[in-house]
Amino acid sequence: QTHATRTTFIDGTAPEFLATVFGAQKGQ
């Protein structure tokens, strides 16, 4: 998934998944 924003919908995932991703650091 490229150029994802906090409002991006990723099929097969819950909304909390993207929030977890945005809490990570680069390379993590």
PDB file of all heavy atoms in Angstrom:
ATOM      1  N   GLN A   1       0.849  -1.187   0.000  1.00  0.00           N
ATOM      2  CA  GLN A   1       0.000   0.000   0.000  1.00  0.00           C
ATOM      3  C   GLN A   1       0.885   1.237   0.000  1.00  0.00           C
ATOM      4  O   GLN A   1       1.708   1.421   0.895  1.00  0.00           O
ATOM      5  CB  GLN A   1      -0.899   0.007   1.241  1.00  0.00           C
ATOM      6  CG  GLN A   1      -1.867   1.166   1.298  1.00  0.00           C
ATOM      7  CD  GLN A   1      -2.997   1.020   0.299  1.00  0.00           C
ATOM      8  OE1 GLN A   1      -3.569  -0.060   0.151  1.00  0.00           O
ATOM      9  NE2 GLN A   1      -3.321   2.089  -0.410  1.00  0.00           N
ATOM     10  N   THR A   2       0.739   2.067  -1.009  1.00  0.00           N
ATOM     11  CA  THR A   2       1.552   3.277  -1.104  1.00  0.00           C
ATOM     12  C   THR A   2       0.670   4.506  -0.953  1.00  0.00           C
ATOM     13  O   THR A   2      -0.537   4.467  -1.209  1.00  0.00           O
ATOM     14  CB  THR A   2       2.296   3.339  -2.448  1.00  0.00           C
ATOM     15  OG1 THR A   2       1.341   3.377  -3.513  1.00  0.00           O
ATOM     16  CG2 THR A   2       3.188   2.113  -2.625  1.00  0.00           C
ATOM     17  N   HIS A   3       1.287   5.608  -0.530  1.00  0.00           N
ATOM     18  CA  HIS A   3       0.600   6.888  -0.368  1.00  0.00           C
ATOM     19  C   HIS A   3      -0.675   6.741   0.473  1.00  0.00           C
ATOM     20  O   HIS A   3      -1.725   7.322   0.165  1.00  0.00           O
ATOM     21  CB  HIS A   3       0.259   7.502  -1.727  1.00  0.00           C
ATOM     22  CG  HIS A   3       1.471   7.838  -2.543  1.00  0.00           C
ATOM     23  ND1 HIS A   3       2.132   6.889  -3.311  1.00  0.00           N
ATOM     24  CD2 HIS A   3       2.159   8.998  -2.698  1.00  0.00           C
ATOM     25  CE1 HIS A   3       3.173   7.469  -3.925  1.00  0.00           C
ATOM     26  NE2 HIS A   3       3.207   8.741  -3.573  1.00  0.00           N
ATOM     27  N   ALA A   4      -0.605   5.948   1.507  1.00  0.00           N
ATOM     28  CA  ALA A   4      -1.751   5.758   2.391  1.00  0.00           C
ATOM     29  C   ALA A   4      -1.880   6.947   3.333  1.00  0.00           C
ATOM     30  O   ALA A   4      -0.887   7.477   3.830  1.00  0.00           O
ATOM     31  CB  ALA A   4      -1.594   4.465   3.195  1.00  0.00           C
ATOM     32  N   THR A   5      -3.104   7.365   3.562  1.00  0.00           N
ATOM     33  CA  THR A   5      -3.390   8.406   4.536  1.00  0.00           C
ATOM     34  C   THR A   5      -4.195   7.798   5.682  1.00  0.00           C
ATOM     35  O   THR A   5      -4.565   6.617   5.638  1.00  0.00           O
ATOM     36  CB  THR A   5      -4.185   9.562   3.902  1.00  0.00           C
ATOM     37  OG1 THR A   5      -5.487   9.084   3.523  1.00  0.00           O
ATOM     38  CG2 THR A   5      -3.461  10.105   2.669  1.00  0.00           C
ATOM     39  N   ARG A   6      -4.479   8.613   6.673  1.00  0.00           N
ATOM     40  CA  ARG A   6      -5.222   8.093   7.824  1.00  0.00           C
ATOM     41  C   ARG A   6      -6.650   7.716   7.470  1.00  0.00           C
ATOM     42  O   ARG A   6      -7.308   6.998   8.222  1.00  0.00           O
ATOM     43  CB  ARG A   6      -5.227   9.134   8.957  1.00  0.00           C
ATOM     44  CG  ARG A   6      -3.839   9.404   9.528  1.00  0.00           C
ATOM     45  CD  ARG A   6      -3.899  10.416  10.645  1.00  0.00           C
ATOM     46  NE  ARG A   6      -2.562  10.763  11.118  1.00  0.00           N
ATOM     47  CZ  ARG A   6      -1.892  10.105  12.063  1.00  0.00           C
ATOM     48  NH1 ARG A   6      -2.464   9.073  12.659  1.00  0.00           N
ATOM     49  NH2 ARG A   6      -0.686  10.474  12.430  1.00  0.00           N
ATOM     50  N   THR A   7      -7.139   8.201   6.341  1.00  0.00           N
ATOM     51  CA  THR A   7      -8.509   7.884   5.923  1.00  0.00           C
ATOM     52  C   THR A   7      -8.553   6.795   4.852  1.00  0.00           C
ATOM     53  O   THR A   7      -9.622   6.473   4.345  1.00  0.00           O
ATOM     54  CB  THR A   7      -9.201   9.146   5.374  1.00  0.00           C
ATOM     55  OG1 THR A   7      -8.442   9.670   4.266  1.00  0.00           O
ATOM     56  CG2 THR A   7      -9.305  10.218   6.464  1.00  0.00           C
ATOM     57  N   THR A   8      -7.393   6.229   4.503  1.00  0.00           N
ATOM     58  CA  THR A   8      -7.346   5.174   3.485  1.00  0.00           C
ATOM     59  C   THR A   8      -8.035   3.911   3.999  1.00  0.00           C
ATOM     60  O   THR A   8      -7.884   3.542   5.166  1.00  0.00           O
ATOM     61  CB  THR A   8      -5.892   4.856   3.109  1.00  0.00           C
ATOM     62  OG1 THR A   8      -5.265   6.018   2.561  1.00  0.00           O
ATOM     63  CG2 THR A   8      -5.841   3.740   2.069  1.00  0.00           C
ATOM     64  N   PHE A   9      -8.786   3.258   3.140  1.00  0.00           N
ATOM     65  CA  PHE A   9      -9.412   1.980   3.496  1.00  0.00           C
ATOM     66  C   PHE A   9      -8.599   0.849   2.888  1.00  0.00           C
ATOM     67  O   PHE A   9      -8.378   0.802   1.684  1.00  0.00           O
ATOM     68  CB  PHE A   9     -10.855   1.906   2.988  1.00  0.00           C
ATOM     69  CG  PHE A   9     -11.484   0.552   3.172  1.00  0.00           C
ATOM     70  CD1 PHE A   9     -11.899   0.144   4.429  1.00  0.00           C
ATOM     71  CD2 PHE A   9     -11.637  -0.309   2.097  1.00  0.00           C
ATOM     72  CE1 PHE A   9     -12.469  -1.115   4.618  1.00  0.00           C
ATOM     73  CE2 PHE A   9     -12.210  -1.563   2.265  1.00  0.00           C
ATOM     74  CZ  PHE A   9     -12.621  -1.964   3.527  1.00  0.00           C
ATOM     75  N   ILE A  10      -8.136  -0.069   3.724  1.00  0.00           N
ATOM     76  CA  ILE A  10      -7.380  -1.228   3.263  1.00  0.00           C
ATOM     77  C   ILE A  10      -8.253  -2.456   3.458  1.00  0.00           C
ATOM     78  O   ILE A  10      -8.616  -2.792   4.587  1.00  0.00           O
ATOM     79  CB  ILE A  10      -6.048  -1.379   4.034  1.00  0.00           C
ATOM     80  CG1 ILE A  10      -5.193  -0.121   3.838  1.00  0.00           C
ATOM     81  CG2 ILE A  10      -5.294  -2.612   3.570  1.00  0.00           C
ATOM     82  CD1 ILE A  10      -3.869  -0.168   4.581  1.00  0.00           C
ATOM     83  N   ASP A  11      -8.597  -3.103   2.370  1.00  0.00           N
ATOM     84  CA  ASP A  11      -9.515  -4.240   2.402  1.00  0.00           C
ATOM     85  C   ASP A  11      -8.991  -5.328   3.329  1.00  0.00           C
ATOM     86  O   ASP A  11      -7.809  -5.676   3.323  1.00  0.00           O
ATOM     87  CB  ASP A  11      -9.693  -4.791   0.984  1.00  0.00           C
ATOM     88  CG  ASP A  11     -10.801  -5.821   0.920  1.00  0.00           C
ATOM     89  OD1 ASP A  11     -11.727  -5.732   1.745  1.00  0.00           O
ATOM     90  OD2 ASP A  11     -10.750  -6.707   0.050  1.00  0.00           O
ATOM     91  N   GLY A  12      -9.903  -5.848   4.144  1.00  0.00           N
ATOM     92  CA  GLY A  12      -9.532  -6.948   5.025  1.00  0.00           C
ATOM     93  C   GLY A  12      -8.947  -6.517   6.351  1.00  0.00           C
ATOM     94  O   GLY A  12      -8.494  -7.371   7.128  1.00  0.00           O
ATOM     95  N   THR A  13      -8.922  -5.231   6.625  1.00  0.00           N
ATOM     96  CA  THR A  13      -8.369  -4.749   7.899  1.00  0.00           C
ATOM     97  C   THR A  13      -9.400  -3.910   8.635  1.00  0.00           C
ATOM     98  O   THR A  13     -10.313  -3.355   8.029  1.00  0.00           O
ATOM     99  CB  THR A  13      -7.101  -3.898   7.675  1.00  0.00           C
ATOM    100  OG1 THR A  13      -7.465  -2.679   7.002  1.00  0.00           O
ATOM    101  CG2 THR A  13      -6.083  -4.644   6.840  1.00  0.00           C
ATOM    102  N   ALA A  14      -9.205  -3.825   9.937  1.00  0.00           N
ATOM    103  CA  ALA A  14     -10.065  -2.984  10.761  1.00  0.00           C
ATOM    104  C   ALA A  14      -9.525  -1.560  10.769  1.00  0.00           C
ATOM    105  O   ALA A  14      -8.333  -1.343  10.508  1.00  0.00           O
ATOM    106  CB  ALA A  14     -10.121  -3.532  12.192  1.00  0.00           C
ATOM    107  N   PRO A  15     -10.370  -0.553  11.058  1.00  0.00           N
ATOM    108  CA  PRO A  15      -9.893   0.838  11.100  1.00  0.00           C
ATOM    109  C   PRO A  15      -8.745   1.036  12.087  1.00  0.00           C
ATOM    110  O   PRO A  15      -7.868   1.871  11.870  1.00  0.00           O
ATOM    111  CB  PRO A  15     -11.148   1.613  11.531  1.00  0.00           C
ATOM    112  CG  PRO A  15     -12.297   0.761  11.107  1.00  0.00           C
ATOM    113  CD  PRO A  15     -11.824  -0.645  11.270  1.00  0.00           C
ATOM    114  N   GLU A  16      -8.723   0.255  13.178  1.00  0.00           N
ATOM    115  CA  GLU A  16      -7.669   0.408  14.176  1.00  0.00           C
ATOM    116  C   GLU A  16      -6.304  -0.009  13.636  1.00  0.00           C
ATOM    117  O   GLU A  16      -5.270   0.424  14.142  1.00  0.00           O
ATOM    118  CB  GLU A  16      -7.997  -0.416  15.419  1.00  0.00           C
ATOM    119  CG  GLU A  16      -9.221   0.060  16.188  1.00  0.00           C
ATOM    120  CD  GLU A  16     -10.510  -0.424  15.557  1.00  0.00           C
ATOM    121  OE1 GLU A  16     -10.441  -1.236  14.603  1.00  0.00           O
ATOM    122  OE2 GLU A  16     -11.593   0.015  16.010  1.00  0.00           O
ATOM    123  N   PHE A  17      -6.289  -0.859  12.596  1.00  0.00           N
ATOM    124  CA  PHE A  17      -5.017  -1.309  12.038  1.00  0.00           C
ATOM    125  C   PHE A  17      -4.228  -0.135  11.482  1.00  0.00           C
ATOM    126  O   PHE A  17      -3.025   0.018  11.738  1.00  0.00           O
ATOM    127  CB  PHE A  17      -5.272  -2.345  10.938  1.00  0.00           C
ATOM    128  CG  PHE A  17      -4.047  -2.656  10.108  1.00  0.00           C
ATOM    129  CD1 PHE A  17      -2.991  -3.370  10.640  1.00  0.00           C
ATOM    130  CD2 PHE A  17      -3.960  -2.216   8.789  1.00  0.00           C
ATOM    131  CE1 PHE A  17      -1.856  -3.654   9.876  1.00  0.00           C
ATOM    132  CE2 PHE A  17      -2.845  -2.491   8.026  1.00  0.00           C
ATOM    133  CZ  PHE A  17      -1.790  -3.212   8.565  1.00  0.00           C
ATOM    134  N   LEU A  18      -4.879   0.719  10.697  1.00  0.00           N
ATOM    135  CA  LEU A  18      -4.187   1.851  10.095  1.00  0.00           C
ATOM    136  C   LEU A  18      -3.722   2.838  11.165  1.00  0.00           C
ATOM    137  O   LEU A  18      -2.661   3.445  11.035  1.00  0.00           O
ATOM    138  CB  LEU A  18      -5.105   2.545   9.086  1.00  0.00           C
ATOM    139  CG  LEU A  18      -4.400   3.336   7.965  1.00  0.00           C
ATOM    140  CD1 LEU A  18      -3.438   2.437   7.207  1.00  0.00           C
ATOM    141  CD2 LEU A  18      -5.412   3.917   7.003  1.00  0.00           C
ATOM    142  N   ALA A  19      -4.510   2.981  12.216  1.00  0.00           N
ATOM    143  CA  ALA A  19      -4.096   3.855  13.319  1.00  0.00           C
ATOM    144  C   ALA A  19      -2.828   3.324  13.968  1.00  0.00           C
ATOM    145  O   ALA A  19      -1.938   4.085  14.353  1.00  0.00           O
ATOM    146  CB  ALA A  19      -5.217   3.970  14.346  1.00  0.00           C
ATOM    147  N   THR A  20      -2.719   1.995  14.088  1.00  0.00           N
ATOM    148  CA  THR A  20      -1.514   1.384  14.640  1.00  0.00           C
ATOM    149  C   THR A  20      -0.326   1.620  13.726  1.00  0.00           C
ATOM    150  O   THR A  20       0.787   1.911  14.183  1.00  0.00           O
ATOM    151  CB  THR A  20      -1.730  -0.125  14.845  1.00  0.00           C
ATOM    152  OG1 THR A  20      -2.873  -0.334  15.676  1.00  0.00           O
ATOM    153  CG2 THR A  20      -0.510  -0.765  15.499  1.00  0.00           C
ATOM    154  N   VAL A  21      -0.546   1.502  12.425  1.00  0.00           N
ATOM    155  CA  VAL A  21       0.528   1.724  11.455  1.00  0.00           C
ATOM    156  C   VAL A  21       1.052   3.152  11.541  1.00  0.00           C
ATOM    157  O   VAL A  21       2.263   3.394  11.526  1.00  0.00           O
ATOM    158  CB  VAL A  21       0.038   1.413  10.022  1.00  0.00           C
ATOM    159  CG1 VAL A  21       1.074   1.848   8.994  1.00  0.00           C
ATOM    160  CG2 VAL A  21      -0.265  -0.073   9.880  1.00  0.00           C
ATOM    161  N   PHE A  22       0.145   4.127  11.659  1.00  0.00           N
ATOM    162  CA  PHE A  22       0.570   5.525  11.709  1.00  0.00           C
ATOM    163  C   PHE A  22       1.259   5.869  13.024  1.00  0.00           C
ATOM    164  O   PHE A  22       1.858   6.933  13.146  1.00  0.00           O
ATOM    165  CB  PHE A  22      -0.630   6.451  11.481  1.00  0.00           C
ATOM    166  CG  PHE A  22      -0.856   6.783  10.032  1.00  0.00           C
ATOM    167  CD1 PHE A  22      -1.629   5.962   9.231  1.00  0.00           C
ATOM    168  CD2 PHE A  22      -0.279   7.906   9.465  1.00  0.00           C
ATOM    169  CE1 PHE A  22      -1.832   6.253   7.894  1.00  0.00           C
ATOM    170  CE2 PHE A  22      -0.471   8.209   8.130  1.00  0.00           C
ATOM    171  CZ  PHE A  22      -1.251   7.384   7.336  1.00  0.00           C
ATOM    172  N   GLY A  23       1.190   4.983  13.991  1.00  0.00           N
ATOM    173  CA  GLY A  23       1.924   5.194  15.230  1.00  0.00           C
ATOM    174  C   GLY A  23       3.338   4.636  15.188  1.00  0.00           C
ATOM    175  O   GLY A  23       4.107   4.814  16.143  1.00  0.00           O
ATOM    176  N   ALA A  24       3.692   3.960  14.084  1.00  0.00           N
ATOM    177  CA  ALA A  24       5.024   3.361  13.949  1.00  0.00           C
ATOM    178  C   ALA A  24       6.014   4.340  13.340  1.00  0.00           C
ATOM    179  O   ALA A  24       5.635   5.355  12.737  1.00  0.00           O
ATOM    180  CB  ALA A  24       4.937   2.099  13.095  1.00  0.00           C
ATOM    181  N   GLN A  25       7.289   4.039  13.495  1.00  0.00           N
ATOM    182  CA  GLN A  25       8.361   4.849  12.931  1.00  0.00           C
ATOM    183  C   GLN A  25       8.795   4.281  11.582  1.00  0.00           C
ATOM    184  O   GLN A  25       8.499   3.128  11.245  1.00  0.00           O
ATOM    185  CB  GLN A  25       9.555   4.891  13.889  1.00  0.00           C
ATOM    186  CG  GLN A  25       9.232   5.416  15.275  1.00  0.00           C
ATOM    187  CD  GLN A  25       8.808   6.864  15.241  1.00  0.00           C
ATOM    188  OE1 GLN A  25       9.354   7.674  14.480  1.00  0.00           O
ATOM    189  NE2 GLN A  25       7.809   7.207  16.080  1.00  0.00           N
ATOM    190  N   LYS A  26       9.512   5.084  10.823  1.00  0.00           N
ATOM    191  CA  LYS A  26      10.027   4.643   9.530  1.00  0.00           C
ATOM    192  C   LYS A  26      10.977   3.463   9.724  1.00  0.00           C
ATOM    193  O   LYS A  26      11.849   3.494  10.589  1.00  0.00           O
ATOM    194  CB  LYS A  26      10.756   5.802   8.846  1.00  0.00           C
ATOM    195  CG  LYS A  26      11.359   5.436   7.495  1.00  0.00           C
ATOM    196  CD  LYS A  26      12.026   6.646   6.865  1.00  0.00           C
ATOM    197  CE  LYS A  26      12.661   6.277   5.536  1.00  0.00           C
ATOM    198  NZ  LYS A  26      13.310   7.449   4.886  1.00  0.00           N
ATOM    199  N   GLY A  27      10.755   2.394   8.947  1.00  0.00           N
ATOM    200  CA  GLY A  27      11.579   1.201   9.043  1.00  0.00           C
ATOM    201  C   GLY A  27      11.136   0.215  10.106  1.00  0.00           C
ATOM    202  O   GLY A  27      11.722  -0.857  10.245  1.00  0.00           O
ATOM    203  N   GLN A  28      10.097   0.533  10.860  1.00  0.00           N
ATOM    204  CA  GLN A  28       9.640  -0.327  11.950  1.00  0.00           C
ATOM    205  C   GLN A  28       8.674  -1.388  11.426  1.00  0.00           C
ATOM    206  O   GLN A  28       7.886  -1.154  10.521  1.00  0.00           O
ATOM    207  CB  GLN A  28       8.963   0.500  13.035  1.00  0.00           C
ATOM    208  CG  GLN A  28       8.534  -0.294  14.259  1.00  0.00           C
ATOM    209  CD  GLN A  28       7.912   0.587  15.329  1.00  0.00           C
ATOM    210  OE1 GLN A  28       7.855   1.813  15.188  1.00  0.00           O
ATOM    211  NE2 GLN A  28       7.436  -0.027  16.397  1.00  0.00           N
TER     212      GLN A  28
END
